[in-house]
Amino acid sequence: MNYETVIGLEVHAQLLTKSKMFCSCSTAYQEAAPNTHVCPVCLGMPGVLPVINRRAVEYAMMFGLALNCSINPHSKMDRKNYPYPDLMKGYQISQYDEPLCINGWLDVEVDGQPKHIGVTRVHMEEDTAKLSHHAADGETFSLVDVNRGGVPLMEIVSEPDMRSAEEARQYLMKLRRILRYLGISSGDMEEGAFRCDANVSVRPEGASQFGVKVEVKNMNSFRSVFRAIQFEEARQRTMLDTGQRIAQETRGWVDTKNETVSQRSKESANDYRYFPEPDIPTLEVNPEWVAQLRDNLPELPDAKYQRFQLEFGLSPYEAAVLTDTRAMAEFFEGAMSVPPSNGQASDLWARAKSVSNWCTGELLRLLNANNHDVEDIKVSPSQLAELIDLVEAGKVSQTAAKTVFEAMYATGKSPAAAVQELGLAQISGSDELAGIVARIVSETPQAVADYRAGKQQALGALVGKVMKETRGRANPAVVTELLKEQLA
């Protein structure tokens, strides 16, 4: 039988606020000693009073607006009760029936085809404490670090609109890209700042009723999400083909074994015994506040991707690379905003192509090789524009410019200073190059014979030898003309 996979994702994203969701403790817990960023509120002591973090509410609304959600004018916090040891007070402050953001959507592209994915809700809650598991003297035990407990968390719940692991991966990647464009979350999956649970079911192709849903947890990378969904859909299809019953349960992804394993039966909303949080009043959202946040949203990835193609004549590939992060897009536009040093107006699309080639080529290569982010590098956009001007003015060759750019990347020096220090100023004088060209011609008789026999590629080989001899400093156009004169 042919089956269809149905996937819905529940994504948790930590928000980049300075203090926790309901107290003033610092959220900078990653390098802190265990249980040092805590207070009676996030420890869940009796009699404490939580106070909601306004900035966290703003961030959640910004993200909801970016996902085309409606902002609820009235929302409330609820107590979600469950007995796990990472919640000391026995419940989590979350949102249930009146979330902050509802009825949104996000479009992704898979294999060139658009996919419209509904977003059921975006709501706020507090993160849990962190458990670490140990063994000593033949016994096992767990330790609780409450530093993470109470960090503002946003849950994004999709509709069950995805039909493949690749659609799920593209959806997750786009969610994270938007979070980072807004500057409201690091989106770091390895650090637990961006976490995903997948609800996976299969049903006969053409059926309208959903199959039994299985929740998959413990996925800490896009690759893990992709592989876990693929494994789970294959497992469920095999079970249906062999007449087995699929249980509604929570399963954990074991990356080292490339499989999911059963953890516990799946909870329902009734198991959590939700009820309104009595210590936090209903959140009344002023429409003017929403309008102000909407007006202050930055240009988002999709809009920037389209604009880069229309305004700068870039290819879809170039636009996608340049808009992958907000920092790279701003670096590109920063370089484009610098007028040419000769004071003359340049062809916008030609200039954009040149800047794009440097950003998607040498800059991206050095970023990957050094594991750097664009915002951390020493080269400024104006310095890249200056280097391009030197190349276009014939003061440094394209080959030598790559060496100059590496020096700029390492030291932060200006292009002119790097060119002078490395001795890579372009040689354009015929007198200076004539002797080198004559020697190369005399030392390469086979290439000369090939050229005179009509093999035009031999000329390129001779140009390459001159360029190598001059460490890339020779002007290729001048070298080509001198070679043609000598060979004639």
Protein backbone atom coordinates (compact mmCIF):
# COMPACT_ATOMS: atom_id res chain seq x y z
CA MET A 1 0.00 0.00 0.00
CA ASN A 2 1.15 3.56 -0.69
CA TYR A 3 1.28 5.82 2.36
CA GLU A 4 1.41 9.53 3.05
CA THR A 5 3.47 10.94 5.90
CA VAL A 6 1.94 13.70 8.02
CA ILE A 7 4.28 15.89 10.08
CA GLY A 8 3.70 18.69 12.54
CA LEU A 9 6.50 20.38 14.49
CA GLU A 10 6.65 21.91 17.95
CA VAL A 11 9.63 24.24 18.17
CA HIS A 12 10.99 25.88 21.33
CA ALA A 13 13.21 28.94 21.00
CA GLN A 14 14.95 30.70 23.88
CA LEU A 15 14.59 34.47 23.78
CA LEU A 16 17.61 36.78 24.08
CA THR A 17 16.42 38.80 27.05
CA LYS A 18 18.81 39.86 29.81
CA SER A 19 16.61 38.53 32.60
CA LYS A 20 14.39 35.50 33.04
CA MET A 21 10.73 35.20 32.21
CA PHE A 22 9.30 35.88 35.67
CA CYS A 23 12.21 37.19 37.77
CA SER A 24 15.28 39.41 37.48
CA CYS A 25 17.89 36.62 37.41
CA SER A 26 20.40 36.83 34.56
CA THR A 27 19.90 34.59 31.54
CA ALA A 28 23.68 34.42 30.88
CA TYR A 29 23.89 30.93 32.33
CA GLN A 30 25.99 29.08 29.75
CA GLU A 31 29.38 29.63 31.41
CA ALA A 32 28.11 30.17 34.96
CA ALA A 33 28.68 27.79 37.85
CA PRO A 34 25.63 25.60 38.55
CA ASN A 35 22.80 27.17 40.54
CA THR A 36 24.31 30.65 40.72
CA HIS A 37 21.73 32.48 38.56
CA VAL A 38 18.80 31.64 40.79
CA CYS A 39 16.39 33.27 43.21
CA PRO A 40 13.29 32.19 45.21
CA VAL A 41 11.06 32.80 42.16
CA CYS A 42 12.87 30.56 39.66
CA LEU A 43 13.57 28.04 42.44
CA GLY A 44 9.81 27.75 42.93
CA MET A 45 9.82 28.62 46.63
CA PRO A 46 6.45 28.97 48.40
CA GLY A 47 4.90 32.43 48.54
CA VAL A 48 6.88 34.01 45.69
CA LEU A 49 5.25 36.25 43.07
CA PRO A 50 6.25 35.97 39.38
CA VAL A 51 6.30 39.17 37.30
CA ILE A 52 6.12 38.84 33.50
CA ASN A 53 9.05 40.04 31.35
CA ARG A 54 7.79 42.80 29.02
CA ARG A 55 10.68 42.39 26.57
CA ALA A 56 9.89 38.68 26.22
CA VAL A 57 6.30 39.56 25.32
CA GLU A 58 7.56 42.04 22.72
CA TYR A 59 9.89 39.47 21.18
CA ALA A 60 7.14 36.85 20.99
CA MET A 61 4.79 39.32 19.30
CA MET A 62 7.52 40.36 16.83
CA PHE A 63 8.02 36.74 15.87
CA GLY A 64 4.28 36.17 15.61
CA LEU A 65 3.97 39.14 13.26
CA ALA A 66 6.88 37.82 11.17
CA LEU A 67 4.93 34.55 10.84
CA ASN A 68 1.78 36.38 9.71
CA CYS A 69 -0.02 35.62 12.99
CA SER A 70 -2.86 37.53 14.58
CA ILE A 71 -2.00 38.94 18.02
CA ASN A 72 -4.60 38.07 20.63
CA PRO A 73 -5.84 41.23 22.38
CA HIS A 74 -6.42 39.13 25.51
CA SER A 75 -4.11 36.27 26.50
CA LYS A 76 -3.24 34.63 29.78
CA MET A 77 -0.65 32.45 31.45
CA ASP A 78 -1.55 28.94 32.63
CA ARG A 79 -0.06 26.34 34.92
CA LYS A 80 1.00 23.18 33.11
CA ASN A 81 1.36 20.51 35.80
CA TYR A 82 3.72 17.58 35.53
CA PRO A 83 6.04 15.79 37.96
CA TYR A 84 9.43 15.76 36.22
CA PRO A 85 12.40 16.79 38.40
CA ASP A 86 13.53 19.60 36.05
CA LEU A 87 10.55 21.64 37.33
CA MET A 88 11.05 22.10 41.05
CA LYS A 89 7.62 23.59 41.72
CA GLY A 90 5.82 20.76 39.91
CA TYR A 91 4.41 22.94 37.13
CA GLN A 92 5.50 25.15 34.27
CA ILE A 93 4.05 28.58 33.63
CA SER A 94 2.94 28.41 30.00
CA GLN A 95 -0.07 29.31 27.83
CA TYR A 96 -2.89 26.96 26.89
CA ASP A 97 -6.24 28.09 25.50
CA GLU A 98 -5.46 31.81 25.07
CA PRO A 99 -1.99 32.05 23.49
CA LEU A 100 -0.39 35.32 22.45
CA CYS A 101 -0.18 34.66 18.69
CA ILE A 102 -2.48 32.53 16.52
CA ASN A 103 -3.29 31.52 12.93
CA GLY A 104 -0.05 32.27 11.12
CA TRP A 105 1.75 30.71 8.16
CA LEU A 106 5.14 30.29 6.57
CA ASP A 107 6.07 29.46 2.97
CA VAL A 108 9.10 27.30 2.18
CA GLU A 109 10.50 25.93 -1.06
CA VAL A 110 11.40 22.27 -1.60
CA ASP A 111 12.81 21.04 -4.92
CA GLY A 112 11.70 24.26 -6.55
CA GLN A 113 8.11 23.88 -5.38
CA PRO A 114 6.46 26.24 -2.86
CA LYS A 115 4.93 24.77 0.29
CA HIS A 116 2.47 26.64 2.49
CA ILE A 117 2.70 25.61 6.16
CA GLY A 118 0.23 26.83 8.75
CA VAL A 119 1.34 28.02 12.18
CA THR A 120 -1.27 27.20 14.80
CA ARG A 121 0.15 29.34 17.59
CA VAL A 122 3.15 31.04 19.13
CA HIS A 123 3.01 31.16 22.90
CA MET A 124 5.28 32.04 25.82
CA GLU A 125 6.51 29.89 28.66
CA GLU A 126 9.50 29.38 30.96
CA ASP A 127 12.35 26.98 30.29
CA THR A 128 13.05 24.08 32.62
CA ALA A 129 16.11 23.38 34.73
CA LYS A 130 18.87 21.20 33.29
CA LEU A 131 19.50 17.63 34.47
CA SER A 132 22.92 15.98 34.21
CA HIS A 133 23.21 12.24 34.73
CA HIS A 134 26.20 10.65 36.47
CA ALA A 135 27.49 7.34 37.82
CA ALA A 136 29.83 6.71 40.77
CA ASP A 137 30.61 3.75 43.02
CA GLY A 138 28.27 1.55 41.03
CA GLU A 139 25.29 3.88 41.44
CA THR A 140 23.64 6.34 39.09
CA PHE A 141 22.28 9.74 40.07
CA SER A 142 21.15 13.02 38.51
CA LEU A 143 22.02 16.62 39.41
CA VAL A 144 19.80 19.64 38.84
CA ASP A 145 21.14 23.00 37.62
CA VAL A 146 18.44 25.67 37.88
CA ASN A 147 20.40 28.36 36.01
CA ARG A 148 18.39 27.63 32.86
CA GLY A 149 15.10 27.34 34.75
CA GLY A 150 12.86 30.33 34.02
CA VAL A 151 14.69 31.51 30.87
CA PRO A 152 12.06 32.96 28.47
CA LEU A 153 10.93 30.38 25.97
CA MET A 154 8.70 30.66 22.94
CA GLU A 155 6.87 27.64 21.52
CA ILE A 156 5.92 27.62 17.84
CA VAL A 157 3.34 24.97 16.93
CA SER A 158 2.77 24.19 13.26
CA GLU A 159 -0.24 22.70 11.58
CA PRO A 160 0.26 19.07 10.38
CA ASP A 161 0.96 20.38 6.88
CA MET A 162 4.37 18.86 6.15
CA ARG A 163 4.63 15.68 4.13
CA SER A 164 8.36 14.91 4.06
CA ALA A 165 11.49 15.15 6.18
CA GLU A 166 12.91 17.71 3.74
CA GLU A 167 9.86 19.98 4.11
CA ALA A 168 10.32 19.79 7.89
CA ARG A 169 14.01 20.66 7.59
CA GLN A 170 13.35 23.65 5.32
CA TYR A 171 10.62 24.89 7.68
CA LEU A 172 12.97 24.69 10.67
CA MET A 173 15.81 26.42 8.84
CA LYS A 174 13.51 29.26 7.81
CA LEU A 175 12.15 29.64 11.35
CA ARG A 176 15.68 29.98 12.68
CA ARG A 177 16.67 32.42 9.94
CA ILE A 178 13.75 34.69 10.88
CA LEU A 179 14.61 34.46 14.59
CA ARG A 180 18.15 35.58 13.85
CA TYR A 181 17.05 38.36 11.48
CA LEU A 182 14.87 39.72 14.27
CA GLY A 183 17.74 39.36 16.76
CA ILE A 184 15.48 37.74 19.36
CA SER A 185 17.11 34.29 19.63
CA SER A 186 20.51 32.76 18.92
CA GLY A 187 18.80 29.77 17.29
CA ASP A 188 21.68 27.57 18.45
CA MET A 189 20.48 23.96 18.41
CA GLU A 190 23.67 22.54 19.92
CA GLU A 191 23.31 24.79 22.97
CA GLY A 192 19.60 24.00 23.35
CA ALA A 193 18.42 27.49 22.41
CA PHE A 194 16.42 26.08 19.48
CA ARG A 195 14.75 22.71 20.04
CA CYS A 196 12.30 20.68 18.02
CA ASP A 197 9.80 17.89 18.70
CA ALA A 198 8.25 16.20 15.68
CA ASN A 199 4.77 14.67 15.55
CA VAL A 200 4.84 12.00 12.85
CA SER A 201 2.06 9.77 11.54
CA VAL A 202 1.34 7.88 8.33
CA ARG A 203 -1.91 7.11 6.58
CA PRO A 204 -2.99 5.40 3.34
CA GLU A 205 -2.55 7.70 0.37
CA GLY A 206 -5.78 9.59 -0.30
CA ALA A 207 -7.17 9.08 3.22
CA SER A 208 -8.61 12.10 5.04
CA GLN A 209 -8.28 10.79 8.60
CA PHE A 210 -4.93 11.12 10.36
CA GLY A 211 -3.01 8.09 11.52
CA VAL A 212 -1.77 7.48 15.09
CA LYS A 213 0.61 10.28 16.06
CA VAL A 214 4.07 9.57 17.51
CA GLU A 215 6.11 12.38 19.09
CA VAL A 216 9.88 12.27 18.50
CA LYS A 217 12.26 14.13 20.86
CA ASN A 218 16.01 14.55 21.52
CA MET A 219 16.98 15.96 18.11
CA ASN A 220 19.74 18.56 18.35
CA SER A 221 20.51 19.38 14.71
CA PHE A 222 18.70 19.82 11.41
CA ARG A 223 20.34 16.60 10.25
CA SER A 224 19.00 14.74 13.30
CA VAL A 225 15.46 16.02 12.64
CA PHE A 226 15.69 14.93 9.01
CA ARG A 227 17.00 11.44 9.82
CA ALA A 228 14.63 10.91 12.75
CA ILE A 229 11.56 11.70 10.65
CA GLN A 230 12.78 9.47 7.83
CA PHE A 231 13.35 6.61 10.28
CA GLU A 232 10.00 7.07 11.98
CA GLU A 233 7.95 7.18 8.78
CA ALA A 234 9.71 4.00 7.55
CA ARG A 235 9.11 2.27 10.90
CA GLN A 236 5.42 3.13 10.92
CA ARG A 237 4.89 2.08 7.29
CA THR A 238 6.52 -1.27 7.99
CA MET A 239 4.29 -1.78 11.03
CA LEU A 240 1.15 -1.06 9.03
CA ASP A 241 2.26 -3.37 6.22
CA THR A 242 2.76 -6.22 8.72
CA GLY A 243 -0.53 -5.66 10.52
CA GLN A 244 0.94 -4.22 13.73
CA ARG A 245 -0.75 -1.51 15.80
CA ILE A 246 1.06 1.84 16.17
CA ALA A 247 0.97 3.13 19.72
CA GLN A 248 0.55 6.82 20.52
CA GLU A 249 3.77 7.46 22.42
CA THR A 250 6.82 9.65 22.87
CA ARG A 251 10.00 8.28 21.31
CA GLY A 252 13.56 9.53 21.63
CA TRP A 253 16.03 9.84 18.75
CA VAL A 254 19.32 7.98 19.33
CA ASP A 255 21.76 9.61 16.94
CA THR A 256 24.50 7.00 17.36
CA LYS A 257 22.12 4.18 16.43
CA ASN A 258 20.14 6.10 13.80
CA GLU A 259 16.83 5.03 15.34
CA THR A 260 14.02 6.13 17.66
CA VAL A 261 13.29 4.30 20.93
CA SER A 262 10.16 4.29 23.07
CA GLN A 263 10.28 6.61 26.11
CA ARG A 264 6.73 6.88 27.48
CA SER A 265 3.10 6.93 26.50
CA LYS A 266 2.03 10.21 24.91
CA GLU A 267 0.42 12.70 27.28
CA SER A 268 -2.75 14.57 26.37
CA ALA A 269 -3.81 18.05 27.50
CA ASN A 270 -5.86 16.49 30.32
CA ASP A 271 -2.72 14.89 31.76
CA TYR A 272 -1.24 18.35 32.33
CA ARG A 273 -4.27 19.60 34.30
CA TYR A 274 -4.00 23.13 32.92
CA PHE A 275 -5.58 25.96 34.87
CA PRO A 276 -5.11 29.76 34.75
CA GLU A 277 -2.01 31.04 36.56
CA PRO A 278 -3.49 32.88 39.56
CA ASP A 279 -0.42 35.03 40.24
CA ILE A 280 -0.23 36.70 36.79
CA PRO A 281 -3.06 38.90 35.51
CA THR A 282 -4.51 38.58 32.01
CA LEU A 283 -2.30 40.18 29.38
CA GLU A 284 -4.19 42.96 27.57
CA VAL A 285 -2.35 43.92 24.38
CA ASN A 286 -2.82 47.48 23.16
CA PRO A 287 -3.33 47.59 19.33
CA GLU A 288 -1.02 50.61 19.19
CA TRP A 289 1.75 48.50 20.73
CA VAL A 290 1.24 45.84 18.04
CA ALA A 291 1.27 48.48 15.28
CA GLN A 292 4.49 49.96 16.61
CA LEU A 293 6.19 46.55 16.67
CA ARG A 294 4.96 45.81 13.14
CA ASP A 295 6.35 49.11 11.86
CA ASN A 296 9.74 48.43 13.47
CA LEU A 297 10.20 44.93 12.05
CA PRO A 298 13.36 44.69 9.91
CA GLU A 299 13.20 43.56 6.30
CA LEU A 300 12.76 39.79 6.54
CA PRO A 301 14.68 37.14 4.55
CA ASP A 302 12.05 36.49 1.86
CA ALA A 303 11.57 40.17 1.09
CA LYS A 304 15.31 40.80 1.04
CA TYR A 305 15.86 37.76 -1.22
CA GLN A 306 13.37 39.09 -3.76
CA ARG A 307 14.70 42.64 -3.58
CA PHE A 308 18.32 41.60 -4.12
CA GLN A 309 17.32 39.93 -7.39
CA LEU A 310 15.19 42.83 -8.62
CA GLU A 311 17.39 45.72 -7.45
CA PHE A 312 20.85 44.27 -8.02
CA GLY A 313 20.24 41.75 -10.81
CA LEU A 314 21.58 38.85 -8.73
CA SER A 315 20.82 35.22 -9.47
CA PRO A 316 18.55 33.25 -7.11
CA TYR A 317 21.64 31.40 -5.82
CA GLU A 318 23.56 34.61 -5.11
CA ALA A 319 20.55 36.22 -3.44
CA ALA A 320 20.00 33.11 -1.29
CA VAL A 321 23.62 33.05 -0.07
CA LEU A 322 23.74 36.78 0.60
CA THR A 323 20.46 36.79 2.55
CA ASP A 324 21.11 33.61 4.52
CA THR A 325 22.06 35.78 7.51
CA ARG A 326 21.22 39.37 8.25
CA ALA A 327 24.91 40.12 8.87
CA MET A 328 25.95 38.90 5.40
CA ALA A 329 23.15 40.87 3.75
CA GLU A 330 24.17 44.03 5.61
CA PHE A 331 27.84 43.48 4.70
CA PHE A 332 26.90 43.22 1.01
CA GLU A 333 24.71 46.32 1.12
CA GLY A 334 27.37 48.17 3.11
CA ALA A 335 29.89 47.56 0.33
CA MET A 336 27.33 48.54 -2.30
CA SER A 337 26.67 51.84 -0.53
CA VAL A 338 30.30 53.00 -0.99
CA PRO A 339 30.62 55.10 -4.16
CA PRO A 340 33.50 54.21 -6.53
CA SER A 341 36.73 56.01 -5.66
CA ASN A 342 37.04 57.49 -9.16
CA GLY A 343 33.93 59.57 -8.49
CA GLN A 344 32.16 58.25 -11.57
CA ALA A 345 28.81 56.49 -11.49
CA SER A 346 29.20 52.76 -12.04
CA ASP A 347 26.82 50.22 -13.55
CA LEU A 348 24.79 49.11 -10.50
CA TRP A 349 24.31 45.53 -11.61
CA ALA A 350 27.95 45.12 -12.66
CA ARG A 351 29.10 46.52 -9.32
CA ALA A 352 26.66 44.24 -7.47
CA LYS A 353 27.99 41.24 -9.39
CA SER A 354 31.53 42.10 -8.38
CA VAL A 355 30.66 42.61 -4.70
CA SER A 356 28.58 39.43 -4.73
CA ASN A 357 31.46 37.42 -6.21
CA TRP A 358 33.74 38.53 -3.37
CA CYS A 359 31.14 37.87 -0.67
CA THR A 360 30.06 34.46 -1.94
CA GLY A 361 33.61 33.51 -2.91
CA GLU A 362 36.63 34.62 -0.91
CA LEU A 363 34.74 36.00 2.08
CA LEU A 364 32.59 32.89 2.51
CA ARG A 365 35.63 30.64 2.03
CA LEU A 366 37.57 32.39 4.80
CA LEU A 367 34.53 32.44 7.10
CA ASN A 368 34.09 28.68 6.73
CA ALA A 369 37.80 27.93 7.03
CA ASN A 370 38.07 29.93 10.27
CA ASN A 371 34.61 29.10 11.65
CA HIS A 372 33.80 32.81 11.87
CA ASP A 373 30.59 34.80 11.63
CA VAL A 374 30.41 37.88 9.41
CA GLU A 375 29.80 40.19 12.35
CA ASP A 376 33.08 39.09 13.99
CA ILE A 377 35.54 39.73 11.14
CA LYS A 378 38.08 42.56 10.86
CA VAL A 379 37.33 43.48 7.22
CA SER A 380 34.74 46.22 6.81
CA PRO A 381 32.36 46.59 3.85
CA SER A 382 34.06 49.83 2.84
CA GLN A 383 37.44 48.06 2.73
CA LEU A 384 36.05 45.45 0.34
CA ALA A 385 34.69 48.25 -1.85
CA GLU A 386 38.14 49.90 -1.80
CA LEU A 387 39.80 46.65 -2.87
CA ILE A 388 37.35 46.27 -5.76
CA ASP A 389 38.18 49.83 -6.83
CA LEU A 390 41.90 48.97 -6.89
CA VAL A 391 41.20 45.96 -9.11
CA GLU A 392 38.97 47.93 -11.48
CA ALA A 393 41.54 50.73 -11.67
CA GLY A 394 44.22 48.23 -12.69
CA LYS A 395 46.33 48.92 -9.59
CA VAL A 396 46.20 45.31 -8.41
CA SER A 397 45.40 42.17 -10.39
CA GLN A 398 42.44 39.92 -9.59
CA THR A 399 44.83 37.13 -8.60
CA ALA A 400 46.91 39.33 -6.32
CA ALA A 401 43.74 40.82 -4.85
CA LYS A 402 42.86 37.45 -3.33
CA THR A 403 46.17 37.44 -1.47
CA VAL A 404 45.55 41.03 -0.40
CA PHE A 405 42.07 40.12 0.86
CA GLU A 406 43.48 37.28 2.97
CA ALA A 407 45.87 39.75 4.59
CA MET A 408 43.03 42.20 5.20
CA TYR A 409 40.94 39.41 6.75
CA ALA A 410 43.78 38.44 9.10
CA THR A 411 44.91 41.92 10.13
CA GLY A 412 42.12 44.40 9.38
CA LYS A 413 44.56 46.55 7.38
CA SER A 414 43.32 48.69 4.52
CA PRO A 415 43.71 47.34 0.96
CA ALA A 416 46.28 50.01 0.08
CA ALA A 417 48.38 49.18 3.14
CA ALA A 418 48.17 45.44 2.47
CA VAL A 419 49.14 45.91 -1.21
CA GLN A 420 52.17 47.99 -0.24
CA GLU A 421 53.25 45.64 2.53
CA LEU A 422 52.99 42.58 0.29
CA GLY A 423 54.52 44.29 -2.72
CA LEU A 424 51.60 43.30 -4.94
CA ALA A 425 50.97 46.52 -6.86
CA GLN A 426 50.07 45.62 -10.42
CA ILE A 427 52.73 45.95 -13.14
CA SER A 428 51.22 47.60 -16.17
CA GLY A 429 54.29 49.17 -17.79
CA SER A 430 55.20 47.64 -21.16
CA ASP A 431 58.90 48.29 -20.64
CA GLU A 432 58.93 46.47 -17.30
CA LEU A 433 56.99 43.48 -18.65
CA ALA A 434 58.61 43.19 -22.09
CA GLY A 435 61.74 41.48 -20.79
CA ILE A 436 59.77 38.95 -18.74
CA VAL A 437 57.51 38.19 -21.71
CA ALA A 438 60.50 37.72 -24.03
CA ARG A 439 62.16 35.28 -21.61
CA ILE A 440 58.96 33.23 -21.17
CA VAL A 441 58.58 33.02 -24.97
CA SER A 442 62.17 31.82 -25.38
CA GLU A 443 61.83 29.28 -22.55
CA THR A 444 58.55 27.78 -23.80
CA PRO A 445 59.08 26.77 -27.44
CA GLN A 446 56.34 24.12 -27.44
CA ALA A 447 53.65 26.61 -26.36
CA VAL A 448 54.91 29.05 -29.01
CA ALA A 449 54.73 26.35 -31.66
CA ASP A 450 51.23 25.36 -30.55
CA TYR A 451 50.02 28.97 -30.75
CA ARG A 452 51.49 29.43 -34.24
CA ALA A 453 49.77 26.17 -35.22
CA GLY A 454 46.43 27.77 -34.35
CA LYS A 455 45.91 26.52 -30.78
CA GLN A 456 44.59 29.63 -29.07
CA GLN A 457 44.67 28.01 -25.60
CA ALA A 458 48.47 28.09 -25.80
CA LEU A 459 48.29 31.87 -25.45
CA GLY A 460 46.47 31.44 -22.12
CA ALA A 461 49.21 29.08 -20.94
CA LEU A 462 51.86 31.67 -21.75
CA VAL A 463 49.89 34.41 -19.95
CA GLY A 464 49.66 32.11 -16.94
CA LYS A 465 53.43 31.61 -16.88
CA VAL A 466 54.01 35.37 -16.92
CA MET A 467 51.49 35.83 -14.13
CA LYS A 468 53.22 33.15 -12.08
CA GLU A 469 56.61 34.74 -12.72
CA THR A 470 55.32 38.10 -11.44
CA ARG A 471 53.38 36.61 -8.49
CA GLY A 472 50.11 37.74 -10.06
CA ARG A 473 51.21 41.36 -10.33
CA ALA A 474 51.33 41.66 -14.11
CA ASN A 475 48.42 43.27 -15.90
CA PRO A 476 46.90 40.38 -17.90
CA ALA A 477 45.69 42.67 -20.71
CA VAL A 478 49.14 44.20 -21.19
CA VAL A 479 50.80 40.77 -21.02
CA THR A 480 48.41 39.41 -23.66
CA GLU A 481 49.18 42.25 -26.06
CA LEU A 482 52.95 41.91 -25.56
CA LEU A 483 52.78 38.17 -26.16
CA LYS A 484 50.79 38.65 -29.35
CA GLU A 485 53.39 41.17 -30.60
CA GLN A 486 56.31 38.85 -29.84
CA LEU A 487 54.58 35.78 -31.27
CA ALA A 488 53.70 37.68 -34.45
